[in-house]
Amino acid sequence: MVKSKIQNPKSKIPQVLRGKRIGIIGAGTMGRALLGALLEQGVPRRALRAADPNAAARALVRRRWRLQAGEDNAQIARESDIVILAVKPQQMPAVLAGLAPHLSRRHLVISIAAGIPLRVLQARLPGVPVVRVMPNLPATVRCGFSAVAAGTSASPRHRRMALELFRAVGEVVELPERALHAVTAISGSGPAYVFFLTQAWLEAARAVGLPASVAWRAIQQTLEGSARLLRAAHEPPARLIAQVASKGGTTEAALKVLAARRVQASFIDALRAAARRSQELTCR
């Protein structure tokens, strides 16, 4: 009888991250998502630490994962090789000022704060390799989409580190920084569009007389199934629409109303507005 081999969880850790100490400043939703995902990949607890000014956030990290969690950002810098800044944009100037004396070329700093460009991060942290990442909310269920943009001091190895870190919470691509405004509009804000559609769908279900409990299950399953089809079919959405919408049928009737109301054009206008707002909010 052949015994099955027990997989070493450390084998899941990308080579470029092995032996690296990772500190996360900001133990909010995204910071916790990263902590949990990295532990699932087999990153040892001793290699992870977090800081947050909020006592409840620190207590949650300690209770859930038995990790180090304090409020001293400088200590995170001293004890880490990679520092992830998961703080609100308005908090960033103070956080950078406090960290700057404790960071050097040996560190990699990754910012997920919207609106803080690489040139600002590099000016506040001279000589320190810096990368920006734009993740989205589904990262909290390991199904996110993140875009990475590297600063001028970041080497190919630093870029690989950032890519592998965020691969732990979903798909990730590397893009020039100028593309992050579009990414913000498409995937950063994207979950809200899906939730908006879901809310409208639920109201429509109620309007046509479907019980709320049934409507909720039907819509959730339809969304999940449709997403799987998009991945599996390898066909453009127009062809998939044609598979559902038969001539003179119910789907065609619904699509005609959407076309008459210019829903597609309005959606494009909405995403353009989101991208413009991303540019306007960028720190000058």
Protein backbone atom coordinates (compact mmCIF):
# COMPACT_ATOMS: atom_id res chain seq x y z
CA MET A 1 0.00 0.00 0.00
CA VAL A 2 1.43 3.35 -1.08
CA LYS A 3 1.19 6.09 1.52
CA SER A 4 0.11 9.49 0.27
CA LYS A 5 2.61 12.27 0.79
CA ILE A 6 1.66 15.14 3.06
CA GLN A 7 2.17 18.41 1.22
CA ASN A 8 4.40 20.92 2.99
CA PRO A 9 2.36 24.16 3.13
CA LYS A 10 5.56 26.14 2.60
CA SER A 11 5.74 24.71 -0.90
CA LYS A 12 2.91 27.09 -1.80
CA ILE A 13 5.00 30.17 -0.98
CA PRO A 14 6.45 31.72 -4.16
CA GLN A 15 10.23 31.46 -4.21
CA VAL A 16 10.65 35.23 -4.44
CA LEU A 17 8.82 35.68 -1.10
CA ARG A 18 10.52 32.91 0.88
CA GLY A 19 12.32 34.18 3.93
CA LYS A 20 10.82 37.66 3.57
CA ARG A 21 9.29 39.41 6.57
CA ILE A 22 6.08 41.21 5.60
CA GLY A 23 4.57 44.06 7.59
CA ILE A 24 1.15 45.54 6.89
CA ILE A 25 0.35 49.04 8.10
CA GLY A 26 -3.42 49.31 8.27
CA ALA A 27 -5.35 46.26 9.51
CA GLY A 28 -8.61 47.16 7.82
CA THR A 29 -10.52 45.13 5.24
CA MET A 30 -7.75 44.86 2.65
CA GLY A 31 -4.94 44.53 5.16
CA ARG A 32 -6.72 41.62 6.83
CA ALA A 33 -7.47 40.02 3.46
CA LEU A 34 -3.76 39.98 2.67
CA LEU A 35 -2.81 38.61 6.09
CA GLY A 36 -5.29 35.76 5.81
CA ALA A 37 -4.32 34.91 2.24
CA LEU A 38 -0.60 34.88 2.99
CA LEU A 39 -1.13 32.57 5.95
CA GLU A 40 -3.15 30.26 3.70
CA GLN A 41 -0.21 30.19 1.31
CA GLY A 42 2.00 28.96 4.13
CA VAL A 43 3.81 32.17 5.07
CA PRO A 44 4.88 31.56 8.69
CA ARG A 45 3.24 33.62 11.42
CA ARG A 46 6.65 34.82 12.59
CA ALA A 47 7.17 36.46 9.15
CA LEU A 48 3.96 38.52 9.33
CA ARG A 49 3.12 41.52 11.46
CA ALA A 50 0.59 44.36 11.38
CA ALA A 51 0.13 47.84 12.78
CA ASP A 52 -3.04 49.89 13.21
CA PRO A 53 -3.97 52.82 15.47
CA ASN A 54 -7.33 51.19 16.19
CA ALA A 55 -7.25 48.88 19.21
CA ALA A 56 -10.20 46.81 17.96
CA ALA A 57 -8.46 46.17 14.62
CA ARG A 58 -5.28 45.06 16.42
CA ALA A 59 -7.24 42.79 18.73
CA LEU A 60 -9.01 41.19 15.75
CA VAL A 61 -5.70 40.37 14.07
CA ARG A 62 -4.31 38.86 17.27
CA ARG A 63 -7.46 36.87 17.99
CA ARG A 64 -8.07 35.58 14.46
CA TRP A 65 -4.53 34.66 13.47
CA ARG A 66 -2.37 35.00 16.61
CA LEU A 67 -0.15 37.51 14.81
CA GLN A 68 1.90 40.41 16.11
CA ALA A 69 -0.19 43.58 15.92
CA GLY A 70 0.84 46.90 17.43
CA GLU A 71 0.51 50.60 16.73
CA ASP A 72 4.16 51.46 16.06
CA ASN A 73 4.67 51.88 12.30
CA ALA A 74 8.39 52.44 12.76
CA GLN A 75 8.73 49.03 14.40
CA ILE A 76 7.01 47.45 11.39
CA ALA A 77 9.61 49.09 9.12
CA ARG A 78 12.53 47.95 11.28
CA GLU A 79 11.28 44.36 11.46
CA SER A 80 10.10 43.90 7.85
CA ASP A 81 11.58 43.49 4.38
CA ILE A 82 8.31 44.33 2.63
CA VAL A 83 6.02 47.05 4.00
CA ILE A 84 2.48 47.25 2.67
CA LEU A 85 0.68 50.56 3.20
CA ALA A 86 -3.01 49.75 3.50
CA VAL A 87 -4.07 53.13 4.89
CA LYS A 88 -6.53 55.78 3.72
CA PRO A 89 -5.11 58.39 1.31
CA GLN A 90 -5.62 61.21 3.81
CA GLN A 91 -3.51 59.31 6.36
CA MET A 92 -0.63 58.73 3.96
CA PRO A 93 1.39 61.97 4.47
CA ALA A 94 1.69 61.39 8.22
CA VAL A 95 2.41 57.67 7.75
CA LEU A 96 5.16 58.36 5.20
CA ALA A 97 6.74 61.05 7.39
CA GLY A 98 6.90 58.64 10.31
CA LEU A 99 8.29 55.78 8.23
CA ALA A 100 10.89 57.62 6.14
CA PRO A 101 13.71 57.59 8.74
CA HIS A 102 13.32 53.82 9.18
CA LEU A 103 13.23 52.75 5.52
CA SER A 104 16.12 52.11 3.15
CA ARG A 105 16.99 50.52 -0.17
CA ARG A 106 16.72 47.08 1.45
CA HIS A 107 12.95 47.52 1.82
CA LEU A 108 10.14 47.23 -0.67
CA VAL A 109 7.18 49.54 0.02
CA ILE A 110 3.83 48.71 -1.56
CA SER A 111 1.02 51.26 -1.41
CA ILE A 112 -2.62 50.39 -2.06
CA ALA A 113 -3.86 53.92 -1.31
CA ALA A 114 -5.82 55.43 -4.20
CA GLY A 115 -4.80 58.86 -5.42
CA ILE A 116 -1.20 58.82 -4.14
CA PRO A 117 1.04 58.63 -7.24
CA LEU A 118 4.45 57.01 -7.40
CA ARG A 119 6.21 60.37 -7.71
CA VAL A 120 4.81 61.45 -4.34
CA LEU A 121 5.74 58.16 -2.67
CA GLN A 122 9.24 58.32 -4.17
CA ALA A 123 9.72 61.95 -3.12
CA ARG A 124 8.74 61.15 0.48
CA LEU A 125 10.81 57.93 0.54
CA PRO A 126 13.92 58.79 -1.51
CA GLY A 127 15.85 55.78 -2.74
CA VAL A 128 13.32 53.28 -1.37
CA PRO A 129 11.85 50.85 -3.95
CA VAL A 130 8.14 51.63 -4.24
CA VAL A 131 5.24 49.90 -5.99
CA ARG A 132 1.60 50.95 -6.27
CA VAL A 133 -1.24 48.42 -6.38
CA MET A 134 -4.92 48.94 -7.14
CA PRO A 135 -6.84 45.94 -5.70
CA ASN A 136 -10.59 45.51 -5.37
CA LEU A 137 -13.04 44.25 -2.75
CA PRO A 138 -13.32 40.63 -4.01
CA ALA A 139 -9.74 40.22 -2.77
CA THR A 140 -11.39 39.57 0.60
CA VAL A 141 -12.73 36.26 -0.81
CA ARG A 142 -9.50 35.51 -2.76
CA CYS A 143 -11.18 36.43 -6.06
CA GLY A 144 -9.86 39.94 -6.56
CA PHE A 145 -8.27 41.75 -9.47
CA SER A 146 -5.20 43.87 -8.78
CA ALA A 147 -3.05 46.06 -11.02
CA VAL A 148 0.59 46.71 -10.14
CA ALA A 149 2.64 49.75 -11.22
CA ALA A 150 6.31 49.91 -10.25
CA GLY A 151 8.37 52.97 -9.36
CA THR A 152 11.73 53.76 -10.93
CA SER A 153 13.72 52.29 -8.02
CA ALA A 154 11.85 48.97 -8.09
CA SER A 155 13.84 46.15 -9.68
CA PRO A 156 12.34 43.22 -11.63
CA ARG A 157 12.64 41.19 -8.41
CA HIS A 158 10.66 43.80 -6.47
CA ARG A 159 7.99 43.73 -9.15
CA ARG A 160 7.79 39.93 -8.92
CA MET A 161 7.40 40.21 -5.15
CA ALA A 162 4.46 42.60 -5.54
CA LEU A 163 2.83 40.43 -8.21
CA GLU A 164 3.13 37.29 -6.08
CA LEU A 165 1.83 39.00 -2.94
CA PHE A 166 -1.36 40.08 -4.66
CA ARG A 167 -1.72 36.82 -6.58
CA ALA A 168 -2.56 35.42 -3.14
CA VAL A 169 -5.89 37.31 -3.28
CA GLY A 170 -6.80 36.83 -6.95
CA GLU A 171 -5.61 37.77 -10.41
CA VAL A 172 -2.93 40.41 -10.91
CA VAL A 173 -1.43 42.28 -13.86
CA GLU A 174 1.40 44.79 -14.23
CA LEU A 175 0.59 48.06 -15.98
CA PRO A 176 2.07 51.54 -16.36
CA GLU A 177 0.87 53.88 -13.66
CA ARG A 178 -1.16 56.00 -16.09
CA ALA A 179 -3.48 52.98 -16.60
CA LEU A 180 -4.45 52.85 -12.92
CA HIS A 181 -7.19 55.47 -13.40
CA ALA A 182 -8.90 53.13 -15.87
CA VAL A 183 -8.34 50.15 -13.57
CA THR A 184 -9.92 52.11 -10.72
CA ALA A 185 -13.01 52.75 -12.84
CA ILE A 186 -13.27 49.23 -14.23
CA SER A 187 -12.30 46.85 -11.43
CA GLY A 188 -11.69 49.03 -8.36
CA SER A 189 -15.23 50.42 -8.49
CA GLY A 190 -16.50 47.40 -10.41
CA PRO A 191 -18.03 45.45 -7.51
CA ALA A 192 -20.34 48.39 -6.79
CA TYR A 193 -21.73 48.15 -10.34
CA VAL A 194 -22.50 44.47 -9.80
CA PHE A 195 -24.14 45.21 -6.44
CA PHE A 196 -26.13 48.08 -8.02
CA LEU A 197 -27.39 45.72 -10.74
CA THR A 198 -28.20 43.08 -8.13
CA GLN A 199 -30.26 45.56 -6.12
CA ALA A 200 -32.20 46.61 -9.24
CA TRP A 201 -32.67 42.94 -10.15
CA LEU A 202 -34.12 42.19 -6.72
CA GLU A 203 -36.55 45.10 -7.01
CA ALA A 204 -37.57 43.89 -10.46
CA ALA A 205 -38.12 40.38 -9.11
CA ARG A 206 -40.40 41.81 -6.44
CA ALA A 207 -42.26 43.83 -9.09
CA VAL A 208 -43.03 40.71 -11.15
CA GLY A 209 -44.19 38.77 -8.10
CA LEU A 210 -41.28 36.44 -7.28
CA PRO A 211 -40.89 35.67 -3.53
CA ALA A 212 -37.88 37.50 -2.09
CA SER A 213 -36.14 34.34 -0.85
CA VAL A 214 -36.43 32.69 -4.26
CA ALA A 215 -35.37 35.86 -6.10
CA TRP A 216 -32.22 36.17 -3.98
CA ARG A 217 -31.17 32.58 -4.67
CA ALA A 218 -32.03 32.82 -8.37
CA ILE A 219 -30.07 36.03 -8.87
CA GLN A 220 -27.01 34.88 -6.92
CA GLN A 221 -26.85 31.60 -8.83
CA THR A 222 -27.41 33.32 -12.15
CA LEU A 223 -24.60 35.80 -11.47
CA GLU A 224 -22.20 33.05 -10.41
CA GLY A 225 -23.16 30.76 -13.29
CA SER A 226 -22.88 33.55 -15.84
CA ALA A 227 -19.41 34.49 -14.59
CA ARG A 228 -18.32 30.87 -14.95
CA LEU A 229 -19.71 30.77 -18.48
CA LEU A 230 -17.81 33.91 -19.42
CA ARG A 231 -14.58 32.23 -18.30
CA ALA A 232 -15.29 28.85 -19.82
CA ALA A 233 -16.87 29.82 -23.14
CA HIS A 234 -13.95 31.84 -24.57
CA GLU A 235 -16.49 33.76 -26.64
CA PRO A 236 -17.34 37.47 -26.75
CA PRO A 237 -20.33 38.51 -24.64
CA ALA A 238 -22.39 39.30 -27.76
CA ARG A 239 -22.35 35.62 -28.77
CA LEU A 240 -23.39 34.52 -25.32
CA ILE A 241 -26.24 37.05 -25.40
CA ALA A 242 -27.37 35.54 -28.71
CA GLN A 243 -27.49 32.09 -27.07
CA VAL A 244 -30.00 33.38 -24.52
CA ALA A 245 -32.00 35.84 -26.63
CA SER A 246 -34.12 34.00 -29.20
CA LYS A 247 -35.96 36.01 -31.84
CA GLY A 248 -39.22 37.38 -30.52
CA GLY A 249 -38.61 35.91 -27.06
CA THR A 250 -38.60 37.23 -23.52
CA THR A 251 -34.90 38.15 -23.41
CA GLU A 252 -35.17 40.12 -26.63
CA ALA A 253 -38.09 42.06 -25.16
CA ALA A 254 -35.99 43.00 -22.14
CA LEU A 255 -32.93 43.90 -24.23
CA LYS A 256 -35.03 46.19 -26.44
CA VAL A 257 -36.04 48.20 -23.36
CA LEU A 258 -32.41 48.46 -22.23
CA ALA A 259 -31.35 49.61 -25.71
CA ALA A 260 -34.16 52.19 -25.88
CA ARG A 261 -33.08 53.58 -22.51
CA ARG A 262 -29.44 53.76 -23.70
CA VAL A 263 -28.26 51.65 -20.77
CA GLN A 264 -25.03 50.60 -22.49
CA ALA A 265 -24.12 54.18 -23.43
CA SER A 266 -24.99 55.38 -19.93
CA PHE A 267 -22.79 52.68 -18.41
CA ILE A 268 -19.86 53.76 -20.57
CA ASP A 269 -20.45 57.38 -19.53
CA ALA A 270 -20.53 56.32 -15.87
CA LEU A 271 -17.17 54.55 -16.08
CA ARG A 272 -15.63 57.51 -17.89
CA ALA A 273 -16.83 59.68 -15.01
CA ALA A 274 -15.20 57.30 -12.52
CA ALA A 275 -11.89 57.43 -14.41
CA ARG A 276 -12.01 61.25 -14.58
CA ARG A 277 -12.72 61.43 -10.86
CA SER A 278 -9.74 59.16 -10.18
CA GLN A 279 -7.55 61.64 -12.04
CA GLU A 280 -9.05 64.60 -10.16
CA LEU A 281 -8.42 62.92 -6.79
CA THR A 282 -4.77 62.22 -7.55
CA CYS A 283 -2.44 64.09 -5.23
CA ARG A 284 -0.74 66.84 -7.23
